Amino acid sequence: MDAVVSLCRVGTAQVPARCESVQVWLVDRPNRNARPDIVLREAADALAALRAEDKIAFIHCFEARSRTAAVAALYSARHRGVPLPQAWEDVRATLPGCAPQPFLRDAVERITG
């Protein structure tokens, strides 16, 4: 792993020193993000930029259920050309316990719509 994209708070010892660290503040509760569409887009774009540099990037949030799933689906749709329904299926296959908050699903739909 060359880089970590954190969608939640992390401590200083949680990201290995050898890794690039990108921190994205995305709260997993409705009406707590001023502009969730922008934050989701920036997170997906950050992941795409790291991958374009041939970096192995790890994206995470607490439990990898909601925020990680939303950003992963958005990344697939925006940067890999995967149709959004397939992107959600791919995420569920990788993260079987994923359960994105409805406001995040709605934002991903708006961004890709």
Protein backbone atom coordinates (compact mmCIF):
# COMPACT_ATOMS: atom_id res chain seq x y z
CA MET A 1 0.00 0.00 0.00
CA ASP A 2 1.34 3.40 -1.01
CA ALA A 3 -1.47 5.68 0.10
CA VAL A 4 -4.44 5.82 2.45
CA VAL A 5 -7.60 7.81 1.84
CA SER A 6 -9.32 8.23 5.21
CA LEU A 7 -12.99 9.16 5.27
CA CYS A 8 -13.06 9.36 9.05
CA ARG A 9 -10.83 10.65 11.82
CA VAL A 10 -7.57 8.76 12.26
CA GLY A 11 -4.84 8.99 14.84
CA THR A 12 -1.24 9.80 14.01
CA ALA A 13 -0.16 6.18 14.48
CA GLN A 14 -2.90 4.66 12.32
CA VAL A 15 -1.42 5.44 8.91
CA PRO A 16 2.01 3.93 8.26
CA ALA A 17 4.72 6.59 7.89
CA ARG A 18 5.68 5.25 4.45
CA CYS A 19 2.19 5.94 3.08
CA GLU A 20 0.79 9.10 1.63
CA SER A 21 -2.21 10.14 3.70
CA VAL A 22 -5.26 11.89 2.26
CA GLN A 23 -7.87 12.85 4.83
CA VAL A 24 -11.40 13.63 3.73
CA TRP A 25 -13.87 14.88 6.30
CA LEU A 26 -17.15 13.12 5.51
CA VAL A 27 -19.62 12.73 8.36
CA ASP A 28 -21.80 9.64 8.11
CA ARG A 29 -24.98 11.34 9.28
CA PRO A 30 -27.53 13.29 7.25
CA ASN A 31 -27.38 17.08 7.35
CA ARG A 32 -23.88 17.09 8.90
CA ASN A 33 -21.98 17.81 5.67
CA ALA A 34 -22.37 21.25 4.15
CA ARG A 35 -21.80 19.92 0.62
CA PRO A 36 -21.71 16.12 0.55
CA ASP A 37 -21.67 15.98 -3.26
CA ILE A 38 -18.45 17.99 -3.36
CA VAL A 39 -16.83 15.94 -0.60
CA LEU A 40 -17.72 12.64 -2.27
CA ARG A 41 -16.45 13.90 -5.61
CA GLU A 42 -13.18 15.09 -4.06
CA ALA A 43 -12.66 11.73 -2.32
CA ALA A 44 -13.27 9.78 -5.54
CA ASP A 45 -11.03 12.16 -7.47
CA ALA A 46 -8.26 11.82 -4.87
CA LEU A 47 -8.43 8.04 -5.22
CA ALA A 48 -8.30 8.37 -9.01
CA ALA A 49 -5.28 10.68 -8.82
CA LEU A 50 -3.41 8.22 -6.61
CA ARG A 51 -4.26 5.33 -8.92
CA ALA A 52 -3.14 7.40 -11.94
CA GLU A 53 0.27 7.63 -10.24
CA ASP A 54 0.28 3.80 -10.07
CA LYS A 55 -0.09 3.90 -6.31
CA ILE A 56 -1.83 1.17 -4.40
CA ALA A 57 -4.40 3.10 -2.41
CA PHE A 58 -6.48 1.94 0.53
CA ILE A 59 -9.73 3.76 1.20
CA HIS A 60 -11.51 3.39 4.51
CA CYS A 61 -13.97 4.69 7.04
CA PHE A 62 -15.22 3.34 10.34
CA GLU A 63 -16.44 -0.22 9.59
CA ALA A 64 -16.22 0.33 5.78
CA ARG A 65 -19.99 0.17 5.53
CA SER A 66 -21.28 3.51 4.34
CA ARG A 67 -18.76 6.16 3.33
CA THR A 68 -16.25 3.72 1.83
CA ALA A 69 -18.99 2.05 -0.20
CA ALA A 70 -20.29 5.37 -1.52
CA VAL A 71 -16.86 6.64 -2.55
CA ALA A 72 -15.93 3.30 -4.12
CA ALA A 73 -19.12 3.20 -6.21
CA LEU A 74 -18.63 6.81 -7.25
CA TYR A 75 -14.99 6.19 -8.17
CA SER A 76 -16.00 3.20 -10.31
CA ALA A 77 -18.72 5.12 -12.09
CA ARG A 78 -16.82 8.39 -12.61
CA HIS A 79 -13.31 7.17 -13.24
CA ARG A 80 -13.68 3.62 -14.51
CA GLY A 81 -16.81 4.04 -16.61
CA VAL A 82 -18.72 1.36 -14.73
CA PRO A 83 -22.51 1.87 -14.88
CA LEU A 84 -23.68 2.88 -11.41
CA PRO A 85 -25.92 -0.17 -10.77
CA GLN A 86 -22.95 -2.42 -11.58
CA ALA A 87 -20.66 -0.28 -9.42
CA TRP A 88 -22.97 -0.80 -6.42
CA GLU A 89 -23.07 -4.56 -7.13
CA ASP A 90 -19.27 -4.68 -7.32
CA VAL A 91 -18.98 -2.83 -4.01
CA ARG A 92 -21.45 -5.22 -2.35
CA ALA A 93 -19.47 -8.19 -3.67
CA THR A 94 -16.30 -6.78 -2.11
CA LEU A 95 -17.90 -5.37 1.06
CA PRO A 96 -20.87 -7.68 1.73
CA GLY A 97 -21.83 -5.76 4.88
CA CYS A 98 -21.96 -2.40 3.17
CA ALA A 99 -24.97 -0.23 3.86
CA PRO A 100 -24.47 3.30 2.55
CA GLN A 101 -26.58 5.93 4.23
CA PRO A 102 -29.47 6.99 1.97
CA PHE A 103 -28.17 10.57 1.76
CA LEU A 104 -24.84 9.22 0.43
CA ARG A 105 -26.57 6.99 -2.12
CA ASP A 106 -28.66 9.96 -3.22
CA ALA A 107 -25.55 12.13 -3.59
CA VAL A 108 -23.79 9.46 -5.67
CA GLU A 109 -26.89 9.27 -7.90
CA ARG A 110 -26.91 13.07 -8.33
CA ILE A 111 -23.23 13.20 -9.16
CA THR A 112 -23.37 10.42 -11.73
CA GLY A 113 -26.83 11.31 -13.06
